[in-house]
Protein backbone atom coordinates (compact mmCIF):
# COMPACT_ATOMS: atom_id res chain seq x y z
CA MET A 1 6.05 -12.09 -21.23
CA LYS A 2 4.02 -9.33 -22.80
CA TYR A 3 5.29 -7.09 -25.56
CA ALA A 4 4.65 -3.35 -25.85
CA VAL A 5 5.83 -0.65 -28.20
CA ILE A 6 6.25 3.06 -27.52
CA ILE A 7 4.12 5.37 -29.66
CA SER A 8 3.86 9.12 -30.10
CA ASP A 9 1.62 11.42 -32.09
CA GLY A 10 4.47 12.60 -34.32
CA THR A 11 4.07 16.31 -33.42
CA PHE A 12 7.49 16.54 -31.71
CA PRO A 13 10.94 15.03 -32.35
CA CYS A 14 11.18 11.66 -30.65
CA ASN A 15 13.85 8.98 -31.09
CA THR A 16 12.32 6.58 -28.55
CA ALA A 17 8.98 5.82 -30.24
CA PRO A 18 9.21 3.42 -33.21
CA LEU A 19 5.55 4.10 -34.08
CA GLN A 20 4.57 7.72 -34.65
CA GLY A 21 1.51 9.41 -36.11
CA LEU A 22 -2.25 9.31 -35.56
CA LEU A 23 -3.24 7.23 -32.53
CA GLU A 24 -5.46 4.91 -34.52
CA ASP A 25 -2.68 4.21 -37.04
CA CYS A 26 -0.24 3.43 -34.26
CA PHE A 27 -2.66 1.11 -32.51
CA ARG A 28 -3.50 -0.68 -35.77
CA ARG A 29 0.13 -1.13 -36.71
CA ALA A 30 1.09 -2.38 -33.20
CA ALA A 31 -1.70 -4.98 -33.39
CA GLU A 32 -0.69 -6.06 -36.87
CA LEU A 33 2.91 -6.59 -35.75
CA GLY A 34 1.84 -8.76 -32.84
CA PHE A 35 2.30 -6.48 -29.85
CA ASP A 36 0.12 -6.80 -26.76
CA GLY A 37 0.18 -3.16 -25.72
CA VAL A 38 1.39 0.38 -26.39
CA GLN A 39 3.17 2.85 -24.19
CA LEU A 40 2.27 6.50 -24.77
CA THR A 41 4.80 9.30 -24.83
CA VAL A 42 2.88 12.14 -23.21
CA LYS A 43 3.12 15.70 -21.92
CA ASP A 44 -0.23 17.32 -21.26
CA PRO A 45 -3.17 15.30 -19.85
CA GLN A 46 -5.53 17.69 -21.60
CA GLU A 47 -4.30 16.27 -24.93
CA VAL A 48 -5.57 12.76 -24.22
CA ASP A 49 -9.14 11.45 -24.48
CA PRO A 50 -9.50 8.36 -22.20
CA ALA A 51 -12.66 7.31 -24.02
CA GLU A 52 -10.81 7.29 -27.36
CA LEU A 53 -7.95 5.27 -25.89
CA ASN A 54 -10.31 2.72 -24.39
CA ALA A 55 -12.14 2.39 -27.71
CA LEU A 56 -8.90 1.82 -29.59
CA CYS A 57 -7.81 -0.78 -27.04
CA ARG A 58 -11.06 -2.68 -27.55
CA GLN A 59 -10.92 -2.33 -31.32
CA TYR A 60 -7.37 -3.65 -31.68
CA GLY A 61 -7.16 -6.01 -28.72
CA LEU A 62 -4.39 -3.99 -27.02
CA CYS A 63 -3.92 -2.26 -23.69
CA VAL A 64 -2.01 0.83 -22.66
CA SER A 65 0.97 -0.54 -20.72
CA GLY A 66 2.62 2.71 -19.61
CA LEU A 67 2.79 6.49 -19.77
CA ALA A 68 6.21 7.98 -20.55
CA THR A 69 6.47 11.45 -19.03
CA ARG A 70 9.85 12.82 -20.11
CA GLN A 71 8.37 15.84 -21.90
CA ILE A 72 7.25 17.33 -18.62
CA TYR A 73 10.96 17.89 -17.96
CA THR A 74 12.63 17.96 -21.38
CA LYS A 75 10.09 20.30 -23.00
CA ASP A 76 8.60 22.25 -20.11
CA GLY A 77 11.41 22.16 -17.54
CA PHE A 78 9.46 20.83 -14.55
CA GLY A 79 11.40 18.29 -12.55
CA MET A 80 10.67 16.31 -9.41
CA GLY A 81 13.88 17.45 -7.69
CA CYS A 82 13.74 21.15 -8.56
CA GLY A 83 14.90 23.39 -5.77
CA GLU A 84 12.36 25.96 -6.89
CA GLU A 85 9.18 24.74 -5.17
CA THR A 86 6.82 26.04 -7.82
CA ARG A 87 8.54 23.99 -10.55
CA ARG A 88 8.64 20.90 -8.35
CA LYS A 89 4.95 21.23 -7.48
CA THR A 90 4.06 21.69 -11.14
CA ALA A 91 5.89 18.46 -12.05
CA VAL A 92 4.03 16.58 -9.33
CA ARG A 93 0.68 18.12 -10.30
CA ARG A 94 1.16 17.14 -13.95
CA LEU A 95 2.17 13.63 -12.98
CA SER A 96 -0.81 13.33 -10.64
CA GLN A 97 -3.11 14.38 -13.46
CA TRP A 98 -1.64 11.56 -15.54
CA LEU A 99 -2.41 9.15 -12.70
CA ASP A 100 -6.02 10.33 -12.92
CA VAL A 101 -6.01 9.57 -16.64
CA ALA A 102 -4.27 6.21 -16.09
CA ALA A 103 -7.03 5.17 -13.70
CA GLU A 104 -9.53 5.54 -16.54
CA ILE A 105 -7.55 3.51 -19.10
CA GLY A 106 -6.70 0.30 -17.29
CA HIS A 107 -4.11 1.54 -14.78
CA PRO A 108 -0.93 1.58 -16.91
CA SER A 109 2.32 2.33 -15.12
CA LEU A 110 3.29 5.96 -14.72
CA ILE A 111 6.97 6.13 -15.65
CA ILE A 112 9.51 8.24 -13.75
CA GLY A 113 12.41 8.60 -16.15
CA ALA A 114 13.74 11.94 -17.31
CA VAL A 115 11.20 13.79 -15.20
CA ARG A 116 13.40 13.17 -12.13
CA GLY A 117 15.73 15.85 -13.57
CA ARG A 118 19.34 16.40 -12.54
CA LEU A 119 21.24 17.54 -9.48
CA ALA A 120 21.77 20.93 -11.16
CA ASP A 121 18.02 21.56 -10.73
CA ALA A 122 18.63 22.37 -7.06
CA PRO A 123 21.24 24.51 -5.25
CA THR A 124 22.84 21.44 -3.60
CA PRO A 125 22.56 17.66 -3.92
CA ALA A 126 21.03 17.49 -0.44
CA ILE A 127 18.26 19.86 -1.51
CA TYR A 128 17.70 17.93 -4.72
CA TYR A 129 17.26 14.61 -2.91
CA ARG A 130 14.99 16.18 -0.30
CA GLN A 131 12.79 17.65 -3.05
CA PHE A 132 12.76 14.43 -5.06
CA ARG A 133 11.81 12.39 -1.99
CA LYS A 134 8.99 14.82 -1.25
CA SER A 135 7.74 14.53 -4.83
CA MET A 136 7.78 10.75 -4.72
CA GLU A 137 5.93 10.69 -1.39
CA GLU A 138 3.21 12.91 -2.80
CA LEU A 139 3.00 10.92 -6.03
CA VAL A 140 2.94 7.51 -4.39
CA ALA A 141 0.14 8.65 -2.07
CA HIS A 142 -1.91 9.65 -5.10
CA ALA A 143 -0.98 6.39 -6.87
CA GLU A 144 -2.34 4.41 -3.96
CA GLN A 145 -5.60 6.31 -4.15
CA LYS A 146 -5.84 5.57 -7.88
CA LYS A 147 -4.53 2.02 -7.56
CA THR A 148 -2.08 2.82 -10.37
CA PRO A 149 1.65 1.98 -10.27
CA VAL A 150 4.47 4.50 -10.32
CA ILE A 151 7.71 2.98 -11.61
CA LEU A 152 11.17 4.52 -11.34
CA GLU A 153 13.64 3.79 -14.13
CA VAL A 154 17.19 2.76 -13.45
CA ASN A 155 18.86 5.38 -15.64
CA ASP A 156 22.44 6.13 -16.67
CA THR A 157 24.90 8.95 -16.00
CA ARG A 158 24.73 10.23 -19.57
CA GLU A 159 21.21 11.49 -18.78
CA THR A 160 21.17 12.06 -15.02
CA GLU A 161 23.10 11.43 -11.85
CA ILE A 162 20.04 10.21 -10.02
CA TYR A 163 19.31 6.51 -9.43
CA CYS A 164 21.54 4.88 -12.04
CA ASP A 165 22.36 1.85 -9.87
CA PRO A 166 19.85 -1.02 -9.65
CA ASP A 167 20.60 -1.84 -6.00
CA GLU A 168 20.28 1.79 -4.91
CA THR A 169 17.12 2.28 -6.92
CA PHE A 170 15.53 -0.88 -5.62
CA ALA A 171 16.27 0.14 -2.03
CA PHE A 172 14.77 3.59 -2.65
CA VAL A 173 11.48 2.39 -4.10
CA ASN A 174 11.15 -0.24 -1.36
CA SER A 175 11.49 2.47 1.26
CA PHE A 176 7.94 3.57 0.37
CA HIS A 177 6.52 0.18 1.34
CA SER A 178 3.86 0.49 -1.33
CA PRO A 179 2.65 -2.08 -3.85
CA TYR A 180 2.18 0.85 -6.22
CA CYS A 181 5.83 1.90 -6.26
CA SER A 182 8.59 -0.13 -7.94
CA MET A 183 11.57 0.22 -10.20
CA TYR A 184 12.00 -0.88 -13.78
CA LEU A 185 14.94 -1.61 -16.06
CA ASP A 186 16.18 -0.43 -19.44
CA THR A 187 18.75 -2.49 -21.35
CA MET A 188 20.44 0.61 -22.88
CA HIS A 189 20.96 2.29 -19.51
CA LEU A 190 22.31 -0.90 -17.98
CA ALA A 191 24.73 -1.29 -20.88
CA TYR A 192 25.97 2.31 -20.56
CA GLU A 193 26.64 1.74 -16.86
CA GLN A 194 28.43 -1.53 -17.76
CA TYR A 195 26.15 -3.84 -15.83
CA ASP A 196 25.87 -7.46 -16.85
CA LEU A 197 22.33 -7.67 -18.24
CA ALA A 198 21.75 -11.30 -17.35
CA ALA A 199 23.06 -10.83 -13.79
CA VAL A 200 20.75 -7.86 -13.18
CA LEU A 201 17.78 -9.70 -14.67
CA GLU A 202 18.43 -12.77 -12.57
CA LYS A 203 18.42 -10.62 -9.45
CA TYR A 204 15.54 -8.31 -10.17
CA ALA A 205 13.41 -9.41 -13.16
CA LEU A 206 10.64 -10.95 -11.09
CA GLN A 207 10.44 -7.76 -9.04
CA VAL A 208 10.03 -5.27 -11.88
CA PRO A 209 6.90 -4.86 -14.02
CA GLN A 210 8.68 -3.58 -17.09
CA ILE A 211 11.95 -3.96 -18.98
CA ASP A 212 12.69 -1.59 -21.85
CA ILE A 213 14.31 -3.25 -24.87
CA SER A 214 16.83 -0.92 -26.50
CA GLY A 215 20.33 -1.03 -27.93
CA GLU A 216 22.97 1.65 -27.71
CA ASP A 217 21.69 5.11 -28.72
CA ARG A 218 18.19 3.56 -28.94
CA CYS A 219 19.17 1.32 -31.85
CA ALA A 220 17.19 -1.86 -32.53
CA PRO A 221 18.29 -4.93 -30.57
CA TYR A 222 19.44 -6.73 -33.70
CA GLN A 223 21.93 -3.88 -34.28
CA SER A 224 23.25 -3.92 -30.71
CA SER A 225 26.26 -5.48 -29.01
CA ILE A 226 24.17 -6.10 -25.85
CA ASP A 227 23.83 -9.79 -25.02
CA PHE A 228 20.10 -10.02 -25.53
CA ALA A 229 20.29 -13.78 -26.19
CA HIS A 230 21.48 -14.60 -22.69
CA GLY A 231 19.09 -12.12 -21.09
CA MET A 232 15.99 -13.25 -23.00
CA VAL A 233 16.66 -16.94 -22.42
CA LEU A 234 16.92 -16.16 -18.71
CA LEU A 235 13.59 -14.30 -18.77
CA LYS A 236 11.93 -17.25 -20.42
CA LYS A 237 13.41 -19.60 -17.81
CA LEU A 238 12.08 -17.30 -15.05
CA GLU A 239 8.70 -17.14 -16.80
CA TYR A 240 8.84 -13.37 -16.59
CA PRO A 241 5.23 -12.07 -16.44
CA GLY A 242 5.87 -8.36 -17.09
CA TRP A 243 6.24 -6.09 -20.09
CA LEU A 244 9.09 -6.01 -22.60
CA THR A 245 8.74 -2.50 -24.05
CA PHE A 246 10.46 -1.66 -27.31
CA GLU A 247 12.02 1.79 -26.96
CA ILE A 248 13.93 2.15 -30.22
CA ARG A 249 14.41 4.65 -33.01
CA PRO A 250 11.58 5.24 -35.51
CA ASP A 251 13.79 4.25 -38.41
CA SER A 252 14.19 0.72 -36.99
CA ASP A 253 12.66 -2.36 -38.57
CA LEU A 254 10.13 -2.95 -35.78
CA GLN A 255 8.95 -6.31 -37.11
CA ARG A 256 12.51 -7.56 -37.25
CA ALA A 257 13.23 -6.23 -33.78
CA LEU A 258 10.27 -8.07 -32.25
CA ALA A 259 11.09 -11.28 -34.10
CA TYR A 260 14.72 -11.03 -32.95
CA ILE A 261 13.75 -10.82 -29.27
CA ARG A 262 11.15 -13.54 -29.60
CA SER A 263 13.64 -15.86 -31.27
CA PHE A 264 15.36 -16.44 -27.94
C-alpha cells in the first residue's frame, strides 16, 4: 500500500484537504509525516507549474498521486453531463488540459468525482447520460494518448445521482475497454450508501488504483464509526498495491489519522 494526502493552496474553502498552504510547505509536511505522495485539488491548469511540482517531488521524495477536479464543477459550473453542449465541452477541455499536465508530472490519476455533475444539469436523465458518456469517450481517448489514467469515483446520493453503486460503476468503466479507465472507491461514500466496506474491498480492491480514506462528513478515520479495522486488515491480506488517499478535514490530526490506519 502507498499513502497519499490531499493538499490545496489554501486560497479557497476546502474541507477535503488536510494540508493547505504553499506547495512547498505541503510537500515538506507530507514527507515529514511519512506519506508517499500528494493529491492536488485543482481548477485551472494555468495555475500549475509542472517543473515546480517535479522539483518538489524530487526534493521531498514524493510523487503526485492524483488530480482532484471538483472545482471545475463546484466553482465554475462546468459538468461532464451538462445538456448545454458549450458547458460540457468546456468541462472536457479543462479535464483534457489536466491530462496534458499529468503527463508531465509522472502520470497521476485524473479524478472524476464532482465534475460528473447531477441529472439536473440536463433536460432529462437520458440526455444527461448521453452527454456524460460522450464526455468520457472523449476523455478516455485523450488519456490513452497521454498514457494517463482517468478514474471514476463511486459517489453517494447526497452529492449526485450518478454512479453511486460499485457494481454499476465498475460495469460502466469496463465498457470502455481501456487500461486507462477505471473506478475508485471512497470509504465515506460507501458508508453513506450503507455498503459493507470489507465486502466491497474484497470484491474490487485489486481492481481499483485508489481508495480514499475518510469518515463521515470527512472526519478523520479515528473519529469514524466506519469499520476501518476489518477493511484495512483485508487490504493487507490482499497485498493491495494502490493508493490510500487521506481525504479528511483540515482540522484533523493527520499524524494520528495515518498512524490509526497503519495500525491495522
